[in-house]
């Protein structure tokens, strides 16, 4: 039975949820992922409340796919990224989904708080386009092609 579940978890395309309110950053992330060889679906939500609806499959996101990876900005309208991260990691149905904080902040307090809330990694958004593209590609490569992810219950 575990083998069947593992095979099901190896679905293609992979599902990525980007929680980002900055349209330029969202577009750059989308563009960076276009060139990645790993097949994926990118879903974008622009605020914390919508992110939780997507993850719980409620409201206009009823039937939304379970993400294989969440890319989370910290500074969002509605609920900020810290609140979302806390909710995800305290929810038995969501806590095993890897959450990569992707933020412009390089403040030590933000980085420590994200890890205290059980972020799987923290990546400061590079300002230069090529560096940003490489960072996003590296995240996707590691979390969706290299790392072994847990099988959902």
N, C-alpha and C. Protein backbone atom coordinates (compact mmCIF):
# COMPACT_ATOMS: atom_id res chain seq x y z
N UNK A 1 0.82 -1.20 0.00
CA UNK A 1 0.00 0.00 0.00
C UNK A 1 0.87 1.26 0.00
N UNK A 2 1.94 1.29 0.79
CA UNK A 2 2.83 2.44 0.82
C UNK A 2 3.44 2.69 -0.55
N UNK A 3 3.77 1.60 -1.30
CA UNK A 3 4.34 1.78 -2.63
C UNK A 3 3.35 2.45 -3.56
N UNK A 4 2.08 2.07 -3.47
CA UNK A 4 1.05 2.69 -4.30
C UNK A 4 0.93 4.16 -3.95
N UNK A 5 0.93 4.49 -2.65
CA UNK A 5 0.84 5.88 -2.24
C UNK A 5 2.05 6.67 -2.71
N UNK A 6 3.22 6.07 -2.65
CA UNK A 6 4.43 6.75 -3.08
C UNK A 6 4.36 7.05 -4.57
N UNK A 7 3.91 6.11 -5.36
CA UNK A 7 3.77 6.31 -6.80
C UNK A 7 2.76 7.42 -7.08
N UNK A 8 1.66 7.44 -6.33
CA UNK A 8 0.67 8.49 -6.50
C UNK A 8 1.26 9.85 -6.17
N UNK A 9 2.15 9.90 -5.17
CA UNK A 9 2.77 11.16 -4.78
C UNK A 9 3.76 11.66 -5.83
N UNK A 10 4.21 10.78 -6.69
CA UNK A 10 5.15 11.16 -7.74
C UNK A 10 4.41 11.68 -8.98
N UNK A 11 3.28 12.28 -8.77
CA UNK A 11 2.47 12.78 -9.88
C UNK A 11 3.23 13.82 -10.69
N UNK A 12 2.86 13.85 -11.93
CA UNK A 12 3.36 14.87 -12.82
C UNK A 12 2.15 15.49 -13.47
N UNK A 13 2.00 16.73 -13.58
CA UNK A 13 2.93 17.75 -13.13
C UNK A 13 2.85 18.01 -11.62
N UNK A 14 3.90 18.59 -11.07
CA UNK A 14 3.94 18.97 -9.67
C UNK A 14 3.12 20.24 -9.49
N UNK A 15 2.55 20.38 -8.32
CA UNK A 15 1.73 21.55 -8.01
C UNK A 15 2.53 22.50 -7.12
N UNK A 16 2.62 23.76 -7.57
CA UNK A 16 3.31 24.79 -6.80
C UNK A 16 2.30 25.89 -6.48
N UNK A 17 2.27 26.32 -5.23
CA UNK A 17 1.44 27.45 -4.83
C UNK A 17 2.36 28.61 -4.49
N UNK A 18 2.20 29.71 -5.22
CA UNK A 18 2.94 30.93 -4.95
C UNK A 18 2.00 31.90 -4.25
N UNK A 19 2.39 32.33 -3.06
CA UNK A 19 1.61 33.31 -2.30
C UNK A 19 2.41 34.61 -2.37
N UNK A 20 1.96 35.50 -3.25
CA UNK A 20 2.75 36.70 -3.57
C UNK A 20 1.81 37.82 -3.99
N UNK A 21 1.90 38.98 -3.33
CA UNK A 21 1.04 40.11 -3.68
C UNK A 21 1.68 41.07 -4.67
N UNK A 22 2.97 40.95 -4.90
CA UNK A 22 3.66 41.83 -5.83
C UNK A 22 3.58 41.21 -7.23
N UNK A 23 2.87 41.88 -8.14
CA UNK A 23 2.64 41.30 -9.46
C UNK A 23 3.94 41.13 -10.26
N UNK A 24 4.90 42.02 -10.07
CA UNK A 24 6.18 41.88 -10.76
C UNK A 24 6.93 40.64 -10.26
N UNK A 25 6.98 40.44 -8.95
CA UNK A 25 7.65 39.26 -8.40
C UNK A 25 6.94 37.98 -8.83
N UNK A 26 5.61 38.02 -8.88
CA UNK A 26 4.86 36.85 -9.32
C UNK A 26 5.17 36.53 -10.79
N UNK A 27 5.23 37.56 -11.62
CA UNK A 27 5.54 37.36 -13.03
C UNK A 27 6.97 36.84 -13.22
N UNK A 28 7.92 37.38 -12.44
CA UNK A 28 9.31 36.91 -12.55
C UNK A 28 9.42 35.45 -12.10
N UNK A 29 8.68 35.08 -11.06
CA UNK A 29 8.69 33.69 -10.60
C UNK A 29 8.11 32.79 -11.68
N UNK A 30 6.99 33.20 -12.25
CA UNK A 30 6.36 32.43 -13.32
C UNK A 30 7.31 32.25 -14.50
N UNK A 31 7.97 33.34 -14.90
CA UNK A 31 8.92 33.27 -16.01
C UNK A 31 10.10 32.36 -15.70
N UNK A 32 10.60 32.43 -14.47
CA UNK A 32 11.73 31.58 -14.08
C UNK A 32 11.34 30.11 -14.14
N UNK A 33 10.12 29.79 -13.77
CA UNK A 33 9.67 28.39 -13.76
C UNK A 33 9.36 27.87 -15.16
N UNK A 34 9.11 28.76 -16.13
CA UNK A 34 8.82 28.33 -17.50
C UNK A 34 9.95 27.51 -18.10
N UNK A 35 11.17 27.89 -17.78
CA UNK A 35 12.34 27.24 -18.38
C UNK A 35 12.78 25.98 -17.64
N UNK A 36 12.13 25.68 -16.54
CA UNK A 36 12.53 24.49 -15.77
C UNK A 36 12.00 23.23 -16.45
N UNK A 37 12.81 22.21 -16.53
CA UNK A 37 12.39 20.99 -17.23
C UNK A 37 11.32 20.19 -16.50
N UNK A 38 11.16 20.41 -15.20
CA UNK A 38 10.18 19.66 -14.42
C UNK A 38 8.78 20.19 -14.71
N UNK A 39 7.89 19.31 -15.11
CA UNK A 39 6.52 19.70 -15.40
C UNK A 39 5.82 20.14 -14.11
N UNK A 40 5.11 21.28 -14.19
CA UNK A 40 4.47 21.81 -13.00
C UNK A 40 3.25 22.67 -13.37
N UNK A 41 2.40 22.85 -12.38
CA UNK A 41 1.32 23.82 -12.46
C UNK A 41 1.59 24.86 -11.40
N UNK A 42 1.59 26.12 -11.77
CA UNK A 42 1.81 27.20 -10.83
C UNK A 42 0.48 27.88 -10.55
N UNK A 43 0.08 27.86 -9.29
CA UNK A 43 -1.11 28.56 -8.84
C UNK A 43 -0.65 29.76 -8.04
N UNK A 44 -1.24 30.92 -8.30
CA UNK A 44 -0.83 32.15 -7.63
C UNK A 44 -2.01 32.74 -6.88
N UNK A 45 -1.79 33.04 -5.61
CA UNK A 45 -2.77 33.77 -4.80
C UNK A 45 -2.07 35.01 -4.28
N UNK A 46 -2.85 36.06 -4.03
CA UNK A 46 -2.23 37.35 -3.74
C UNK A 46 -2.37 37.83 -2.30
N UNK A 47 -3.05 37.07 -1.46
CA UNK A 47 -3.12 37.48 -0.06
C UNK A 47 -3.27 36.26 0.84
N UNK A 48 -3.09 36.48 2.12
CA UNK A 48 -3.09 35.40 3.08
C UNK A 48 -4.42 34.68 3.23
N UNK A 49 -5.50 35.41 3.17
CA UNK A 49 -6.82 34.78 3.31
C UNK A 49 -7.09 33.85 2.13
N UNK A 50 -6.74 34.32 0.93
CA UNK A 50 -6.93 33.49 -0.26
C UNK A 50 -6.02 32.27 -0.22
N UNK A 51 -4.82 32.44 0.32
CA UNK A 51 -3.90 31.31 0.44
C UNK A 51 -4.50 30.20 1.30
N UNK A 52 -5.09 30.57 2.42
CA UNK A 52 -5.68 29.55 3.30
C UNK A 52 -6.91 28.92 2.66
N UNK A 53 -7.70 29.70 1.92
CA UNK A 53 -8.83 29.12 1.17
C UNK A 53 -8.32 28.10 0.15
N UNK A 54 -7.26 28.45 -0.55
CA UNK A 54 -6.68 27.54 -1.54
C UNK A 54 -6.22 26.25 -0.86
N UNK A 55 -5.48 26.39 0.22
CA UNK A 55 -4.93 25.21 0.90
C UNK A 55 -6.00 24.33 1.52
N UNK A 56 -7.09 24.93 1.95
CA UNK A 56 -8.18 24.16 2.56
C UNK A 56 -9.25 23.78 1.53
N UNK A 57 -9.12 24.26 0.31
CA UNK A 57 -10.09 23.93 -0.73
C UNK A 57 -11.46 24.51 -0.46
N UNK A 58 -11.49 25.75 0.05
CA UNK A 58 -12.76 26.38 0.38
C UNK A 58 -12.98 27.63 -0.47
N UNK A 59 -14.20 28.16 -0.41
CA UNK A 59 -14.53 29.38 -1.16
C UNK A 59 -14.35 29.15 -2.65
N UNK A 60 -13.79 30.14 -3.33
CA UNK A 60 -13.61 30.02 -4.78
C UNK A 60 -12.54 29.00 -5.14
N UNK A 61 -11.85 28.47 -4.14
CA UNK A 61 -10.81 27.47 -4.39
C UNK A 61 -11.25 26.05 -4.02
N UNK A 62 -12.56 25.83 -3.99
CA UNK A 62 -13.06 24.48 -3.73
C UNK A 62 -12.49 23.55 -4.80
N UNK A 63 -11.93 22.45 -4.38
CA UNK A 63 -11.36 21.49 -5.31
C UNK A 63 -9.95 21.83 -5.77
N UNK A 64 -9.32 22.83 -5.14
CA UNK A 64 -7.95 23.20 -5.53
C UNK A 64 -7.01 22.03 -5.26
N UNK A 65 -5.99 21.86 -6.10
CA UNK A 65 -5.05 20.75 -5.89
C UNK A 65 -4.18 20.99 -4.66
N UNK A 66 -3.78 19.92 -4.03
CA UNK A 66 -2.86 20.03 -2.89
C UNK A 66 -1.47 20.36 -3.45
N UNK A 67 -0.86 21.44 -2.96
CA UNK A 67 0.46 21.79 -3.49
C UNK A 67 1.53 20.78 -3.05
N UNK A 68 2.51 20.60 -3.90
CA UNK A 68 3.70 19.84 -3.54
C UNK A 68 4.73 20.77 -2.91
N UNK A 69 4.57 22.07 -3.16
CA UNK A 69 5.50 23.08 -2.67
C UNK A 69 4.77 24.41 -2.56
N UNK A 70 5.06 25.15 -1.47
CA UNK A 70 4.51 26.48 -1.28
C UNK A 70 5.66 27.48 -1.25
N UNK A 71 5.56 28.51 -2.09
CA UNK A 71 6.50 29.63 -2.07
C UNK A 71 5.74 30.79 -1.43
N UNK A 72 6.24 31.26 -0.29
CA UNK A 72 5.47 32.19 0.54
C UNK A 72 6.22 33.49 0.79
N UNK A 73 5.60 34.59 0.39
CA UNK A 73 6.12 35.91 0.74
C UNK A 73 5.70 36.21 2.18
N UNK A 74 6.47 37.02 2.88
CA UNK A 74 6.13 37.34 4.27
C UNK A 74 5.15 38.50 4.39
N UNK A 75 5.34 39.54 3.61
CA UNK A 75 4.55 40.76 3.76
C UNK A 75 3.38 40.73 2.78
N UNK A 76 2.22 40.37 3.32
CA UNK A 76 1.02 40.19 2.50
C UNK A 76 -0.17 40.92 3.12
N UNK A 77 -1.14 41.31 2.31
CA UNK A 77 -2.37 41.85 2.88
C UNK A 77 -3.24 40.73 3.45
N UNK A 78 -4.17 41.11 4.31
CA UNK A 78 -5.06 40.12 4.94
C UNK A 78 -4.35 39.46 6.09
N UNK A 79 -3.79 38.31 5.85
CA UNK A 79 -2.93 37.63 6.81
C UNK A 79 -1.53 37.69 6.26
N UNK A 80 -0.57 38.02 7.10
CA UNK A 80 0.79 38.06 6.58
C UNK A 80 1.38 36.66 6.54
N UNK A 81 2.55 36.55 5.91
CA UNK A 81 3.17 35.25 5.71
C UNK A 81 3.48 34.51 6.99
N UNK A 82 3.77 35.24 8.07
CA UNK A 82 4.06 34.60 9.35
C UNK A 82 2.81 33.89 9.88
N UNK A 83 1.66 34.56 9.77
CA UNK A 83 0.41 33.96 10.21
C UNK A 83 0.07 32.73 9.37
N UNK A 84 0.27 32.84 8.07
CA UNK A 84 -0.01 31.71 7.17
C UNK A 84 0.90 30.54 7.51
N UNK A 85 2.18 30.82 7.68
CA UNK A 85 3.14 29.77 8.01
C UNK A 85 2.75 29.08 9.32
N UNK A 86 2.36 29.86 10.31
CA UNK A 86 1.93 29.29 11.59
C UNK A 86 0.71 28.39 11.41
N UNK A 87 -0.25 28.84 10.62
CA UNK A 87 -1.46 28.03 10.38
C UNK A 87 -1.13 26.74 9.63
N UNK A 88 -0.30 26.85 8.61
CA UNK A 88 0.06 25.66 7.82
C UNK A 88 0.74 24.63 8.71
N UNK A 89 1.73 25.07 9.46
CA UNK A 89 2.54 24.14 10.23
C UNK A 89 1.83 23.62 11.48
N UNK A 90 0.70 24.23 11.86
CA UNK A 90 -0.07 23.71 12.99
C UNK A 90 -1.27 22.88 12.53
N UNK A 91 -1.46 22.75 11.23
CA UNK A 91 -2.58 21.98 10.67
C UNK A 91 -2.07 20.61 10.24
N UNK A 92 -2.61 19.56 10.85
CA UNK A 92 -2.15 18.20 10.57
C UNK A 92 -2.27 17.83 9.09
N UNK A 93 -3.21 18.43 8.37
CA UNK A 93 -3.38 18.11 6.95
C UNK A 93 -2.44 18.88 6.03
N UNK A 94 -1.80 19.92 6.54
CA UNK A 94 -0.97 20.77 5.69
C UNK A 94 0.50 20.82 6.10
N UNK A 95 0.81 20.49 7.32
CA UNK A 95 2.15 20.77 7.87
C UNK A 95 3.31 20.09 7.16
N UNK A 96 3.04 19.04 6.44
CA UNK A 96 4.14 18.35 5.75
C UNK A 96 4.45 18.92 4.37
N UNK A 97 3.64 19.85 3.89
CA UNK A 97 3.93 20.49 2.61
C UNK A 97 5.13 21.42 2.83
N UNK A 98 6.18 21.27 2.04
CA UNK A 98 7.32 22.17 2.20
C UNK A 98 6.93 23.62 1.91
N UNK A 99 7.36 24.50 2.81
CA UNK A 99 7.11 25.93 2.65
C UNK A 99 8.45 26.63 2.57
N UNK A 100 8.69 27.27 1.44
CA UNK A 100 9.90 28.07 1.25
C UNK A 100 9.47 29.53 1.35
N UNK A 101 10.02 30.22 2.35
CA UNK A 101 9.78 31.64 2.45
C UNK A 101 10.66 32.32 1.41
N UNK A 102 10.02 33.12 0.57
CA UNK A 102 10.72 33.84 -0.50
C UNK A 102 10.40 35.32 -0.28
N UNK A 103 11.33 36.02 0.36
CA UNK A 103 11.06 37.38 0.83
C UNK A 103 12.19 38.33 0.49
N UNK A 104 11.85 39.60 0.35
CA UNK A 104 12.88 40.62 0.15
C UNK A 104 13.63 40.90 1.45
N UNK A 105 13.04 40.54 2.57
CA UNK A 105 13.65 40.83 3.86
C UNK A 105 14.89 39.97 4.10
N UNK A 106 15.93 40.61 4.55
CA UNK A 106 17.13 39.91 5.00
C UNK A 106 17.34 40.14 6.49
N UNK A 107 16.31 40.64 7.16
CA UNK A 107 16.38 40.94 8.59
C UNK A 107 16.52 39.64 9.39
N UNK A 108 17.46 39.61 10.29
CA UNK A 108 17.69 38.42 11.11
C UNK A 108 16.42 38.01 11.85
N UNK A 109 15.66 38.99 12.35
CA UNK A 109 14.42 38.67 13.07
C UNK A 109 13.42 37.94 12.19
N UNK A 110 13.29 38.37 10.94
CA UNK A 110 12.36 37.70 10.02
C UNK A 110 12.81 36.27 9.72
N UNK A 111 14.11 36.10 9.51
CA UNK A 111 14.64 34.77 9.20
C UNK A 111 14.45 33.84 10.39
N UNK A 112 14.80 34.31 11.59
CA UNK A 112 14.64 33.49 12.80
C UNK A 112 13.17 33.15 13.05
N UNK A 113 12.30 34.13 12.90
CA UNK A 113 10.86 33.90 13.13
C UNK A 113 10.33 32.87 12.15
N UNK A 114 10.74 32.95 10.88
CA UNK A 114 10.27 31.98 9.88
C UNK A 114 10.70 30.56 10.27
N UNK A 115 11.94 30.40 10.67
CA UNK A 115 12.40 29.07 11.09
C UNK A 115 11.75 28.64 12.40
N UNK A 116 11.50 29.57 13.31
CA UNK A 116 10.78 29.23 14.54
C UNK A 116 9.38 28.73 14.24
N UNK A 117 8.80 29.22 13.14
CA UNK A 117 7.47 28.78 12.71
C UNK A 117 7.54 27.55 11.80
N UNK A 118 8.73 26.95 11.69
CA UNK A 118 8.95 25.71 10.95
C UNK A 118 8.95 25.85 9.43
N UNK A 119 9.41 26.99 8.94
CA UNK A 119 9.63 27.11 7.50
C UNK A 119 10.66 26.05 7.11
N UNK A 120 10.51 25.50 5.92
CA UNK A 120 11.48 24.50 5.45
C UNK A 120 12.75 25.14 4.93
N UNK A 121 12.64 26.36 4.43
CA UNK A 121 13.83 27.13 4.06
C UNK A 121 13.42 28.59 3.89
N UNK A 122 14.43 29.44 3.87
CA UNK A 122 14.22 30.88 3.73
C UNK A 122 15.17 31.37 2.64
N UNK A 123 14.62 32.00 1.63
CA UNK A 123 15.42 32.52 0.53
C UNK A 123 15.12 34.01 0.40
N UNK A 124 16.16 34.82 0.49
CA UNK A 124 16.00 36.25 0.26
C UNK A 124 15.94 36.48 -1.24
N UNK A 125 14.93 37.21 -1.68
CA UNK A 125 14.77 37.48 -3.11
C UNK A 125 15.92 38.33 -3.62
N UNK A 126 16.66 37.80 -4.57
CA UNK A 126 17.71 38.63 -5.17
C UNK A 126 17.08 39.76 -5.97
N UNK A 127 17.77 40.88 -6.03
CA UNK A 127 17.26 42.04 -6.74
C UNK A 127 17.48 41.90 -8.25
N UNK A 128 18.62 41.37 -8.65
CA UNK A 128 18.96 41.24 -10.06
C UNK A 128 18.16 40.10 -10.69
N UNK A 129 17.66 40.31 -11.89
CA UNK A 129 16.78 39.34 -12.56
C UNK A 129 17.42 37.97 -12.72
N UNK A 130 18.65 37.89 -13.22
CA UNK A 130 19.29 36.59 -13.42
C UNK A 130 19.46 35.84 -12.10
N UNK A 131 19.83 36.55 -11.06
CA UNK A 131 19.98 35.92 -9.74
C UNK A 131 18.64 35.44 -9.21
N UNK A 132 17.59 36.24 -9.42
CA UNK A 132 16.25 35.85 -8.99
C UNK A 132 15.83 34.58 -9.72
N UNK A 133 16.02 34.56 -11.03
CA UNK A 133 15.66 33.39 -11.85
C UNK A 133 16.40 32.15 -11.37
N UNK A 134 17.70 32.28 -11.13
CA UNK A 134 18.49 31.14 -10.66
C UNK A 134 18.03 30.65 -9.29
N UNK A 135 17.66 31.58 -8.41
CA UNK A 135 17.18 31.19 -7.08
C UNK A 135 15.89 30.38 -7.18
N UNK A 136 14.95 30.85 -8.01
CA UNK A 136 13.67 30.14 -8.17
C UNK A 136 13.89 28.76 -8.79
N UNK A 137 14.74 28.69 -9.79
CA UNK A 137 15.04 27.40 -10.42
C UNK A 137 15.69 26.44 -9.43
N UNK A 138 16.57 26.95 -8.58
CA UNK A 138 17.23 26.12 -7.57
C UNK A 138 16.23 25.59 -6.56
N UNK A 139 15.28 26.43 -6.16
CA UNK A 139 14.24 26.00 -5.23
C UNK A 139 13.44 24.86 -5.84
N UNK A 140 12.99 25.05 -7.07
CA UNK A 140 12.19 24.02 -7.72
C UNK A 140 13.00 22.73 -7.89
N UNK A 141 14.22 22.85 -8.33
CA UNK A 141 15.06 21.66 -8.54
C UNK A 141 15.24 20.88 -7.24
N UNK A 142 15.55 21.60 -6.16
CA UNK A 142 15.78 20.89 -4.91
C UNK A 142 14.50 20.27 -4.37
N UNK A 143 13.45 21.08 -4.21
CA UNK A 143 12.25 20.59 -3.52
C UNK A 143 11.41 19.63 -4.35
N UNK A 144 11.42 19.75 -5.67
CA UNK A 144 10.54 18.91 -6.47
C UNK A 144 11.26 17.84 -7.29
N UNK A 145 12.59 17.93 -7.39
CA UNK A 145 13.31 16.91 -8.16
C UNK A 145 14.32 16.15 -7.31
N UNK A 146 14.91 16.81 -6.33
CA UNK A 146 15.97 16.17 -5.54
C UNK A 146 15.45 15.63 -4.21
N UNK A 147 14.74 16.43 -3.46
CA UNK A 147 14.27 16.01 -2.13
C UNK A 147 13.20 14.93 -2.24
N UNK A 148 13.18 14.03 -1.28
CA UNK A 148 12.11 13.05 -1.17
C UNK A 148 11.06 13.64 -0.25
N UNK A 149 9.87 13.83 -0.77
CA UNK A 149 8.79 14.44 0.00
C UNK A 149 7.95 13.38 0.69
N UNK A 150 7.36 13.72 1.83
CA UNK A 150 6.52 12.74 2.52
C UNK A 150 5.24 12.46 1.74
N UNK A 151 4.73 11.28 1.93
CA UNK A 151 3.48 10.89 1.30
C UNK A 151 2.33 11.47 2.13
N UNK A 152 1.38 12.19 1.50
CA UNK A 152 0.23 12.72 2.26
C UNK A 152 -0.56 11.59 2.90
N UNK A 153 -1.11 11.88 4.08
CA UNK A 153 -1.95 10.87 4.75
C UNK A 153 -3.23 10.61 4.00
